[in-house]
Amino acid sequence: MTLPSPQHPIEAPEADAPRDERRVDERRDRDDPVAPAAGYDGEQFDLADRQSLRRVAGMSTELTDVTEVEYRRLRLERVVLISVWTSGTEADAENALAELKQLAETAGSEVLEGLIQRRKLVDPSTYIGRGKVEELREVVQATGADTVICDGELAPAQLRTLEDKVKVKVIDRTALILDIFAQHAKSAEGKAQVELAQLQYLKQRLRGWGGNLSRQAGGRASGGAGIGGRGPGETKLETDRRRINSRIAKLRAELREMDSTREVKRAGRRRHQIPSVAIVGYTNAGKSSLLNRLTGAGVLVEDALFATLDPTTRRSQTSDGRDFTLTDTVGFVRHLPHDLVEAFASTLEESASADLLVHVVDGSDPDPQGQIAAVREVLAQIGAQKVPELIVINKADAADPDTLTVLRGQYRGAVIVSARTGTGLDELRRAVEEGLPSPSVGVVALVPYARGDLIDRVHHEGEIDQLEHTADGTLLRARLHPGLAAELAAFRPADQLS
């Protein structure tokens, strides 16, 4: 069956809604148009276009090689994407759908179609409106799709209504992201965090059919006869919800125990006053690649969304030998599910407790400013909005030079690099060193040669201004943190004592 092109949208059949209802919809569209963004003139659509689902070109990921396509059809879900455009420009709506396509492909699916519905608000019952559900079902039947993915978080009622009407599985953006996290979780902590987020999401979306909603009873009373069959009992949904709550409580206890180990490591770094740098940014912006370039960490690098879930911390040194740590964190995304933020709270604390945030931005992305805004929104949720931030625009080798010029002018102090080619890494190292907190206590000490351990600590934990080897020991002038400065107070030279 040949599908209409993007220039010829699918027209709703006459039986979609009564004629009076269609007239009401037309009046509503005329009287209550979508509010345009500031400085945006709006797209000029006629009534038929405005009321129809609009295909977005380039959404299909089906391959041209027949044998490879047949193989992919056997192992990949075939999905149709649907999005509701409520604000912003047409480019914003298409960028959001393109990101949903990336998420769907990362989860292991084949995208057949991408559809956008232009509305002022999402429909509270069906997400896209009753008439558009019929059009969506026609697209699903024509393409042979077995899953519909909505670009938004659906209420339980919306999810059930869409599944009942479209007759295939329907998932929302939150469930899609959770599925990707479940595939990529490797450590025990990561798996526990993902399971906790999944259970919190599932708890509100339990449903049952027929006998699954009946009261539960044991023994011979299960048939509704005899002693024990007359009580109120417990429904299957109530049983499932109770078991989920029990599992959530157990997972939270396990995560608290795991977090104690992480807190011990953080306390050790704080005790030795080792500055910490957290690499944050949008998913697939190149954070792990930069960590590998700067420290040789050997972290997994993959051109996929959410390839890194478990934080990796490596020690590095400034040009003058002072130690600091670099931590690679989980990537963010627009509308990151709240359940994920809550479940990954202990992991995200690495960013909130850092002395400097290296905010990595994909310079080749169509909307890098949107990435920055999305990351800063999540940072605000975890209480890291006040941590000093260094903007690093990555993938300069693939980015448009005009875009890089705009970003450099918009974000003063930003560093442009390419983790793939190594361009700009020296400038990045200098910027990180300048952004680290400096020790606050000035010290003059004559350290005996027998206390070489103190000199070594000064090299790694402080900033040395002057170092001289004398007959009585090592004379140094340095800036140190209060703890080490107190240890060196006993070695002040005699001419410095008052």
Protein backbone atom coordinates (compact mmCIF):
# COMPACT_ATOMS: atom_id res chain seq x y z
CA MET A 1 0.00 0.00 0.00
CA THR A 2 1.46 3.37 -1.07
CA LEU A 3 1.47 5.97 1.72
CA PRO A 4 0.83 9.67 1.10
CA SER A 5 3.85 11.93 0.95
CA PRO A 6 4.60 14.62 3.59
CA GLN A 7 3.10 17.20 1.23
CA HIS A 8 -0.19 15.28 1.15
CA PRO A 9 -1.17 14.52 4.73
CA ILE A 10 -3.55 11.71 5.57
CA GLU A 11 -7.08 13.01 5.55
CA ALA A 12 -9.39 11.80 8.27
CA PRO A 13 -12.28 9.69 6.95
CA GLU A 14 -15.71 11.18 7.06
CA ALA A 15 -16.76 8.67 9.71
CA ASP A 16 -14.15 9.92 12.20
CA ALA A 17 -16.58 12.29 13.90
CA PRO A 18 -20.06 13.70 13.33
CA ARG A 19 -20.29 16.76 11.13
CA ASP A 20 -21.39 18.98 14.05
CA GLU A 21 -18.35 17.96 16.05
CA ARG A 22 -16.07 18.74 13.14
CA ARG A 23 -17.56 22.21 12.87
CA VAL A 24 -16.94 22.76 16.59
CA ASP A 25 -13.32 21.64 16.12
CA GLU A 26 -12.93 24.09 13.21
CA ARG A 27 -14.29 26.98 15.28
CA ARG A 28 -12.00 26.05 18.16
CA ASP A 29 -8.96 26.06 15.85
CA ARG A 30 -9.89 29.49 14.48
CA ASP A 31 -10.63 31.02 17.87
CA ASP A 32 -7.80 29.45 19.86
CA PRO A 33 -4.70 29.02 17.69
CA VAL A 34 -1.39 27.80 19.01
CA ALA A 35 0.46 30.63 20.75
CA PRO A 36 3.60 31.40 18.70
CA ALA A 37 7.03 31.71 20.27
CA ALA A 38 8.51 35.16 20.80
CA GLY A 39 9.79 36.61 17.55
CA TYR A 40 8.26 33.80 15.50
CA ASP A 41 5.80 34.65 12.74
CA GLY A 42 4.29 31.15 12.66
CA GLU A 43 3.71 28.69 9.86
CA GLN A 44 0.82 29.35 7.52
CA PHE A 45 -1.37 26.25 7.44
CA ASP A 46 -4.78 25.94 5.88
CA LEU A 47 -7.57 24.30 7.84
CA ALA A 48 -7.05 20.81 6.37
CA ASP A 49 -3.34 20.83 7.16
CA ARG A 50 -3.89 22.12 10.65
CA GLN A 51 -6.36 19.35 11.45
CA SER A 52 -4.25 16.50 10.07
CA LEU A 53 -1.31 14.51 11.28
CA ARG A 54 1.79 15.61 9.39
CA ARG A 55 4.50 13.19 8.40
CA VAL A 56 8.12 14.19 9.05
CA ALA A 57 10.48 13.21 6.25
CA GLY A 58 13.51 11.07 6.97
CA MET A 59 12.10 9.20 9.96
CA SER A 60 12.29 5.68 8.52
CA THR A 61 15.38 3.65 9.41
CA GLU A 62 14.58 0.75 7.09
CA LEU A 63 17.67 -0.41 5.20
CA THR A 64 17.99 -0.75 1.43
CA ASP A 65 19.73 -4.14 1.41
CA VAL A 66 16.91 -6.70 1.22
CA THR A 67 18.67 -9.41 3.20
CA GLU A 68 19.64 -6.99 5.96
CA VAL A 69 16.11 -5.56 6.09
CA GLU A 70 14.63 -9.04 6.45
CA TYR A 71 17.04 -9.77 9.29
CA ARG A 72 16.17 -6.53 11.06
CA ARG A 73 12.47 -7.23 10.71
CA LEU A 74 12.95 -10.45 12.60
CA ARG A 75 14.81 -8.96 15.53
CA LEU A 76 13.66 -5.32 15.82
CA GLU A 77 10.34 -3.86 16.85
CA ARG A 78 8.69 -1.84 14.11
CA VAL A 79 7.51 1.45 15.59
CA VAL A 80 5.62 4.59 14.66
CA LEU A 81 6.49 7.83 16.46
CA ILE A 82 3.84 10.39 17.39
CA SER A 83 4.37 13.84 18.89
CA VAL A 84 2.13 16.74 19.85
CA TRP A 85 3.48 20.17 18.89
CA THR A 86 2.13 22.63 21.46
CA SER A 87 4.69 25.48 21.43
CA GLY A 88 7.85 26.71 19.73
CA THR A 89 8.74 26.58 16.07
CA GLU A 90 8.32 23.79 13.56
CA ALA A 91 12.09 23.18 13.74
CA ASP A 92 11.84 22.67 17.51
CA ALA A 93 9.08 20.11 17.04
CA GLU A 94 11.03 18.21 14.39
CA ASN A 95 14.23 18.26 16.49
CA ALA A 96 12.30 16.76 19.40
CA LEU A 97 10.93 14.02 17.14
CA ALA A 98 14.41 13.35 15.72
CA GLU A 99 15.67 12.85 19.28
CA LEU A 100 12.80 10.44 19.94
CA LYS A 101 13.90 8.54 16.84
CA GLN A 102 17.42 8.25 18.26
CA LEU A 103 16.02 6.97 21.54
CA ALA A 104 13.86 4.40 19.74
CA GLU A 105 16.79 3.15 17.67
CA THR A 106 19.01 2.94 20.75
CA ALA A 107 16.34 0.79 22.42
CA GLY A 108 16.49 -1.58 19.44
CA SER A 109 13.63 -0.72 17.12
CA GLU A 110 13.06 0.15 13.48
CA VAL A 111 11.32 3.48 12.98
CA LEU A 112 8.76 3.37 10.17
CA GLU A 113 7.00 6.72 10.49
CA GLY A 114 7.18 9.95 12.45
CA LEU A 115 3.98 11.97 12.89
CA ILE A 116 3.35 15.37 14.45
CA GLN A 117 -0.03 16.70 15.62
CA ARG A 118 -0.31 20.48 16.05
CA ARG A 119 -2.48 21.38 19.05
CA LYS A 120 -2.64 24.00 21.75
CA LEU A 121 -2.73 21.35 24.48
CA VAL A 122 -2.47 17.56 24.50
CA ASP A 123 -5.81 15.78 24.59
CA PRO A 124 -6.48 14.58 28.18
CA SER A 125 -8.14 11.41 26.95
CA THR A 126 -6.19 10.21 23.90
CA TYR A 127 -3.12 12.53 23.80
CA ILE A 128 -3.69 13.43 20.11
CA GLY A 129 -7.46 13.74 19.87
CA ARG A 130 -10.19 11.21 19.03
CA GLY A 131 -10.22 11.80 15.27
CA LYS A 132 -6.44 11.62 15.04
CA VAL A 133 -6.44 8.25 16.81
CA GLU A 134 -8.30 6.81 13.81
CA GLU A 135 -5.71 8.28 11.44
CA LEU A 136 -2.92 6.86 13.61
CA ARG A 137 -4.53 3.43 13.50
CA GLU A 138 -4.62 3.60 9.69
CA VAL A 139 -0.90 4.41 9.61
CA VAL A 140 -0.14 1.52 11.97
CA GLN A 141 -2.13 -0.90 9.83
CA ALA A 142 -0.58 0.34 6.59
CA THR A 143 3.02 0.11 7.81
CA GLY A 144 2.64 -3.10 9.79
CA ALA A 145 3.96 -1.47 12.96
CA ASP A 146 3.63 -3.30 16.25
CA THR A 147 4.40 -0.40 18.62
CA VAL A 148 3.50 3.29 18.91
CA ILE A 149 5.87 5.57 20.86
CA CYS A 150 4.54 8.91 22.12
CA ASP A 151 6.88 11.85 22.72
CA GLY A 152 5.63 12.68 26.19
CA GLU A 153 4.68 11.09 29.49
CA LEU A 154 1.19 9.62 29.15
CA ALA A 155 -1.26 9.37 32.00
CA PRO A 156 -2.45 5.82 32.74
CA ALA A 157 -5.88 6.60 31.25
CA GLN A 158 -4.33 7.98 28.04
CA LEU A 159 -2.16 4.88 27.71
CA ARG A 160 -5.09 2.49 28.11
CA THR A 161 -7.33 4.44 25.73
CA LEU A 162 -4.70 4.61 22.99
CA GLU A 163 -3.90 0.89 23.25
CA ASP A 164 -7.59 -0.04 23.11
CA LYS A 165 -8.18 2.08 20.01
CA VAL A 166 -4.94 1.58 18.06
CA LYS A 167 -4.83 -2.19 18.84
CA VAL A 168 -1.03 -2.31 19.26
CA LYS A 169 1.35 -1.71 22.14
CA VAL A 170 1.70 1.97 23.12
CA ILE A 171 4.55 3.31 25.24
CA ASP A 172 5.58 6.83 26.16
CA ARG A 173 8.92 8.60 26.26
CA THR A 174 9.50 7.74 29.93
CA ALA A 175 9.05 4.00 29.38
CA LEU A 176 11.40 4.20 26.39
CA ILE A 177 14.16 5.87 28.39
CA LEU A 178 13.71 3.40 31.24
CA ASP A 179 14.08 0.54 28.77
CA ILE A 180 17.36 1.98 27.45
CA PHE A 181 18.68 2.36 30.98
CA ALA A 182 17.73 -1.25 31.74
CA GLN A 183 19.70 -2.44 28.70
CA HIS A 184 22.82 -0.42 29.56
CA ALA A 185 22.97 -0.94 33.34
CA LYS A 186 25.98 -3.11 34.20
CA SER A 187 26.88 -2.58 37.87
CA ALA A 188 24.80 -3.77 40.81
CA GLU A 189 24.08 -0.16 41.79
CA GLY A 190 23.05 0.81 38.26
CA LYS A 191 20.70 -2.16 37.95
CA ALA A 192 19.12 -1.39 41.32
CA GLN A 193 18.62 2.26 40.40
CA VAL A 194 16.98 1.37 37.08
CA GLU A 195 14.71 -1.23 38.67
CA LEU A 196 13.63 1.28 41.32
CA ALA A 197 12.70 3.83 38.63
CA GLN A 198 10.83 1.17 36.62
CA LEU A 199 8.80 0.02 39.62
CA GLN A 200 7.87 3.59 40.55
CA TYR A 201 6.68 4.13 36.98
CA LEU A 202 4.83 0.80 36.84
CA LYS A 203 3.06 1.20 40.16
CA GLN A 204 0.80 3.93 38.77
CA ARG A 205 0.02 1.98 35.59
CA LEU A 206 -1.12 -1.41 36.83
CA ARG A 207 -4.17 -2.78 35.12
CA GLY A 208 -6.11 -6.03 35.10
CA TRP A 209 -8.79 -7.77 33.08
CA GLY A 210 -11.73 -9.96 34.12
CA GLY A 211 -10.73 -12.44 36.81
CA ASN A 212 -7.56 -10.52 37.58
CA LEU A 213 -9.72 -7.94 39.33
CA SER A 214 -11.55 -10.52 41.49
CA ARG A 215 -11.07 -10.93 45.20
CA GLN A 216 -8.36 -13.34 46.33
CA ALA A 217 -9.08 -16.15 48.79
CA GLY A 218 -7.29 -19.35 49.73
CA GLY A 219 -8.08 -23.05 49.79
CA ARG A 220 -11.56 -24.29 48.88
CA ALA A 221 -12.88 -20.80 49.47
CA SER A 222 -11.15 -19.61 46.28
CA GLY A 223 -14.17 -20.73 44.32
CA GLY A 224 -16.40 -18.42 46.29
CA ALA A 225 -17.81 -21.11 48.60
CA GLY A 226 -17.17 -22.08 52.18
CA ILE A 227 -15.59 -20.38 55.13
CA GLY A 228 -13.17 -17.69 54.10
CA GLY A 229 -14.97 -16.78 50.91
CA ARG A 230 -17.20 -14.15 52.49
CA GLY A 231 -14.55 -11.58 53.46
CA PRO A 232 -13.56 -8.53 51.43
CA GLY A 233 -10.25 -10.21 50.47
CA GLU A 234 -7.69 -8.50 48.29
CA THR A 235 -7.82 -7.78 44.58
CA LYS A 236 -5.05 -8.84 42.23
CA LEU A 237 -4.15 -5.18 41.64
CA GLU A 238 -3.84 -4.60 45.37
CA THR A 239 -1.59 -7.66 45.67
CA ASP A 240 0.63 -6.46 42.84
CA ARG A 241 0.83 -2.95 44.27
CA ARG A 242 1.76 -4.30 47.71
CA ARG A 243 4.52 -6.46 46.24
CA ILE A 244 5.86 -3.52 44.23
CA ASN A 245 5.94 -1.33 47.35
CA SER A 246 7.83 -4.05 49.23
CA ARG A 247 10.37 -4.35 46.43
CA ILE A 248 10.80 -0.56 46.26
CA ALA A 249 11.51 -0.43 50.00
CA LYS A 250 14.10 -3.23 49.65
CA LEU A 251 15.82 -1.52 46.70
CA ARG A 252 16.03 1.79 48.54
CA ALA A 253 17.67 0.04 51.50
CA GLU A 254 20.20 -1.61 49.18
CA LEU A 255 20.98 1.71 47.49
CA ARG A 256 21.53 3.41 50.85
CA GLU A 257 24.04 0.70 51.72
CA MET A 258 25.80 1.08 48.36
CA ASP A 259 25.88 4.86 48.75
CA SER A 260 27.71 4.52 52.06
CA THR A 261 30.70 3.08 50.17
CA ARG A 262 30.64 5.99 47.72
CA GLU A 263 30.39 8.45 50.61
CA VAL A 264 33.49 6.96 52.25
CA LYS A 265 35.47 7.66 49.08
CA ARG A 266 34.08 11.20 48.85
CA ALA A 267 34.94 11.82 52.52
CA GLY A 268 38.52 10.70 51.90
CA ARG A 269 38.89 13.16 49.04
CA ARG A 270 37.42 15.96 51.15
CA ARG A 271 39.74 15.09 54.03
CA HIS A 272 42.78 15.46 51.80
CA GLN A 273 41.29 18.57 50.18
CA ILE A 274 41.51 17.08 46.67
CA PRO A 275 39.47 19.25 44.25
CA SER A 276 36.84 17.40 42.22
CA VAL A 277 35.67 18.07 38.67
CA ALA A 278 32.43 16.53 37.34
CA ILE A 279 31.91 16.12 33.60
CA VAL A 280 28.22 16.72 32.89
CA GLY A 281 26.24 17.24 29.74
CA TYR A 282 23.64 15.96 27.33
CA THR A 283 23.68 12.29 26.46
CA ASN A 284 26.06 11.36 23.63
CA ALA A 285 27.80 14.77 23.82
CA GLY A 286 31.23 13.11 24.21
CA LYS A 287 31.79 13.15 27.99
CA SER A 288 33.43 9.72 28.17
CA SER A 289 35.64 10.53 25.19
CA LEU A 290 36.90 13.66 26.94
CA LEU A 291 37.59 11.72 30.15
CA ASN A 292 39.62 9.19 28.19
CA ARG A 293 41.55 11.97 26.43
CA LEU A 294 42.35 13.80 29.67
CA THR A 295 43.13 10.83 31.94
CA GLY A 296 43.46 7.69 29.80
CA ALA A 297 40.59 6.14 31.78
CA GLY A 298 39.61 3.64 29.08
CA VAL A 299 35.88 4.18 29.66
CA LEU A 300 33.46 2.69 27.12
CA VAL A 301 32.89 5.10 24.23
CA GLU A 302 29.93 4.45 21.95
CA ASP A 303 27.94 6.59 19.54
CA ALA A 304 24.68 5.84 21.37
CA LEU A 305 22.42 7.52 23.87
CA PHE A 306 23.04 6.71 27.55
CA ALA A 307 26.07 4.49 26.87
CA THR A 308 27.41 5.55 30.30
CA LEU A 309 25.26 4.96 33.39
CA ASP A 310 27.81 4.26 36.11
CA PRO A 311 30.04 7.19 37.16
CA THR A 312 33.79 6.74 36.67
CA THR A 313 36.29 8.76 38.72
CA ARG A 314 39.95 9.13 37.74
CA ARG A 315 42.78 11.15 39.30
CA SER A 316 44.60 13.76 37.25
CA GLN A 317 47.19 16.46 37.87
CA THR A 318 47.60 20.10 37.02
CA SER A 319 50.71 21.34 35.23
CA ASP A 320 52.32 22.16 38.61
CA GLY A 321 51.62 18.67 40.00
CA ARG A 322 48.49 19.36 42.10
CA ASP A 323 46.02 16.43 42.22
CA PHE A 324 42.35 16.64 41.33
CA THR A 325 39.67 14.12 40.31
CA LEU A 326 37.61 13.92 37.13
CA THR A 327 34.25 12.12 37.23
CA ASP A 328 32.27 11.01 34.18
CA THR A 329 28.53 11.12 34.98
CA VAL A 330 25.33 9.86 33.38
CA GLY A 331 24.08 11.99 30.50
CA PHE A 332 20.96 14.11 30.67
CA VAL A 333 18.15 14.50 28.19
CA ARG A 334 15.16 16.78 27.67
CA HIS A 335 12.30 15.95 30.03
CA LEU A 336 14.40 13.43 31.96
CA PRO A 337 11.84 11.34 33.91
CA HIS A 338 11.48 12.44 37.52
CA ASP A 339 11.60 8.82 38.70
CA LEU A 340 15.05 8.47 37.12
CA VAL A 341 16.33 11.64 38.79
CA GLU A 342 15.10 10.32 42.15
CA ALA A 343 16.50 6.82 41.61
CA PHE A 344 19.90 8.11 40.48
CA ALA A 345 20.10 10.70 43.27
CA SER A 346 23.20 9.14 44.87
CA THR A 347 24.99 9.02 41.50
CA LEU A 348 24.01 12.57 40.58
CA GLU A 349 25.36 13.82 43.92
CA GLU A 350 28.82 13.58 42.37
CA SER A 351 27.88 16.65 40.33
CA ALA A 352 26.32 18.56 43.23
CA SER A 353 29.40 18.05 45.46
CA ALA A 354 31.98 18.93 42.77
CA ASP A 355 34.17 22.04 42.84
CA LEU A 356 33.81 22.57 39.06
CA LEU A 357 31.37 21.35 36.42
CA VAL A 358 32.75 20.73 32.93
CA HIS A 359 29.55 21.08 30.91
CA VAL A 360 30.06 19.26 27.59
CA VAL A 361 27.87 20.37 24.66
CA ASP A 362 27.52 18.65 21.29
CA GLY A 363 28.43 21.44 18.86
CA SER A 364 27.13 19.41 15.89
CA ASP A 365 23.63 19.06 17.35
CA PRO A 366 20.85 21.04 15.61
CA ASP A 367 19.90 22.71 18.92
CA PRO A 368 22.92 23.02 21.25
CA GLN A 369 21.26 25.85 23.21
CA GLY A 370 18.36 23.49 23.96
CA GLN A 371 20.84 20.91 25.24
CA ILE A 372 22.41 23.44 27.59
CA ALA A 373 18.99 24.50 28.92
CA ALA A 374 17.95 20.87 29.50
CA VAL A 375 21.14 20.04 31.40
CA ARG A 376 20.89 23.15 33.57
CA GLU A 377 17.29 22.24 34.40
CA VAL A 378 18.39 18.85 35.76
CA LEU A 379 21.32 20.43 37.60
CA ALA A 380 18.85 22.72 39.33
CA GLN A 381 16.77 19.70 40.39
CA ILE A 382 19.76 18.10 42.13
CA GLY A 383 20.97 21.33 43.76
CA ALA A 384 24.07 21.82 41.57
CA GLN A 385 23.06 25.09 39.91
CA LYS A 386 25.50 27.13 42.06
CA VAL A 387 28.59 25.04 41.26
CA PRO A 388 31.03 26.91 38.94
CA GLU A 389 30.50 25.83 35.34
CA LEU A 390 32.86 25.63 32.36
CA ILE A 391 31.11 25.26 28.98
CA VAL A 392 33.00 22.91 26.63
CA ILE A 393 31.71 22.71 23.04
CA ASN A 394 32.73 19.29 21.72
CA LYS A 395 32.71 17.74 18.23
CA ALA A 396 34.17 20.86 16.66
CA ASP A 397 35.34 18.77 13.69
CA ALA A 398 31.71 17.97 12.78
CA ALA A 399 30.07 21.26 13.77
CA ASP A 400 29.12 24.18 11.55
CA PRO A 401 31.70 26.98 11.98
CA ASP A 402 28.94 29.60 12.13
CA THR A 403 27.28 27.68 14.97
CA LEU A 404 30.57 27.56 16.88
CA THR A 405 30.99 31.32 16.45
CA VAL A 406 27.49 31.96 17.82
CA LEU A 407 28.06 29.65 20.79
CA ARG A 408 31.42 31.22 21.64
CA GLY A 409 29.84 34.67 21.60
CA GLN A 410 26.82 33.57 23.62
CA TYR A 411 28.77 31.69 26.32
CA ARG A 412 31.78 33.73 27.34
CA GLY A 413 34.75 31.65 28.41
CA ALA A 414 33.55 28.55 26.51
CA VAL A 415 36.22 26.21 25.18
CA ILE A 416 35.85 24.58 21.75
CA VAL A 417 37.38 21.10 21.46
CA SER A 418 37.22 17.87 19.51
CA ALA A 419 37.72 14.73 21.57
CA ARG A 420 38.14 12.74 18.36
CA THR A 421 40.96 14.80 16.85
CA GLY A 422 42.42 16.29 20.05
CA THR A 423 41.85 19.90 18.96
CA GLY A 424 41.60 22.36 21.87
CA LEU A 425 42.50 19.88 24.64
CA ASP A 426 45.46 21.96 25.86
CA GLU A 427 43.21 25.01 26.18
CA LEU A 428 40.69 22.86 28.04
CA ARG A 429 43.33 21.66 30.53
CA ARG A 430 44.37 25.26 31.22
CA ALA A 431 40.74 26.32 31.70
CA VAL A 432 40.11 23.45 34.15
CA GLU A 433 43.23 24.36 36.15
CA GLU A 434 42.11 27.98 36.37
CA GLY A 435 38.66 26.90 37.50
CA LEU A 436 39.91 24.72 40.38
CA PRO A 437 39.73 26.26 43.87
CA SER A 438 43.08 27.58 45.07
CA PRO A 439 44.43 26.79 48.57
CA SER A 440 43.77 29.69 50.87
CA VAL A 441 46.56 29.63 53.53
CA GLY A 442 50.02 31.01 52.77
CA VAL A 443 52.85 29.13 54.48
CA VAL A 444 56.62 29.62 54.86
CA ALA A 445 58.35 26.53 56.28
CA LEU A 446 61.81 25.02 56.65
CA VAL A 447 61.10 21.31 56.42
CA PRO A 448 63.81 18.85 57.52
CA TYR A 449 64.97 16.40 54.88
CA ALA A 450 63.70 13.56 57.09
CA ARG A 451 60.12 14.79 56.45
CA GLY A 452 60.07 14.29 52.72
CA ASP A 453 56.49 13.00 53.08
CA LEU A 454 55.34 16.54 53.88
CA ILE A 455 57.10 17.93 50.80
CA ASP A 456 55.38 15.28 48.66
CA ARG A 457 51.98 16.26 50.07
CA VAL A 458 52.69 19.93 49.38
CA HIS A 459 53.42 19.05 45.74
CA HIS A 460 50.15 17.12 45.36
CA GLU A 461 47.80 19.18 47.52
CA GLY A 462 49.09 22.77 47.38
CA GLU A 463 50.58 25.42 45.13
CA ILE A 464 54.31 26.04 45.56
CA ASP A 465 55.55 29.58 44.97
CA GLN A 466 59.21 29.05 45.97
CA LEU A 467 61.30 25.96 46.75
CA GLU A 468 64.93 26.09 47.95
CA HIS A 469 67.18 23.36 49.31
CA THR A 470 69.36 24.62 52.19
CA ALA A 471 71.79 23.00 54.62
CA ASP A 472 69.08 22.71 57.29
CA GLY A 473 66.24 21.45 55.05
CA THR A 474 63.86 22.47 52.32
CA LEU A 475 62.71 26.07 52.49
CA LEU A 476 59.37 26.58 50.77
CA ARG A 477 56.73 29.20 50.29
CA ALA A 478 53.37 27.73 49.33
CA ARG A 479 49.60 28.10 49.53
CA LEU A 480 47.95 25.15 51.27
CA HIS A 481 44.61 24.06 52.68
CA PRO A 482 44.19 24.66 56.44
CA GLY A 483 44.85 21.05 57.52
CA LEU A 484 48.25 20.72 55.85
CA ALA A 485 49.17 24.31 56.78
CA ALA A 486 48.62 23.42 60.46
CA GLU A 487 50.99 20.45 60.16
CA LEU A 488 53.71 22.69 58.68
CA ALA A 489 53.27 25.41 61.31
CA ALA A 490 55.87 23.68 63.54
CA PHE A 491 58.55 24.16 60.87
CA ARG A 492 58.39 27.92 60.50
CA PRO A 493 61.87 29.45 60.16
CA ALA A 494 63.22 31.34 63.16
CA ASP A 495 63.20 34.67 61.33
CA GLN A 496 59.48 34.19 60.65
CA LEU A 497 58.52 33.67 64.30
CA SER A 498 57.08 36.77 66.00
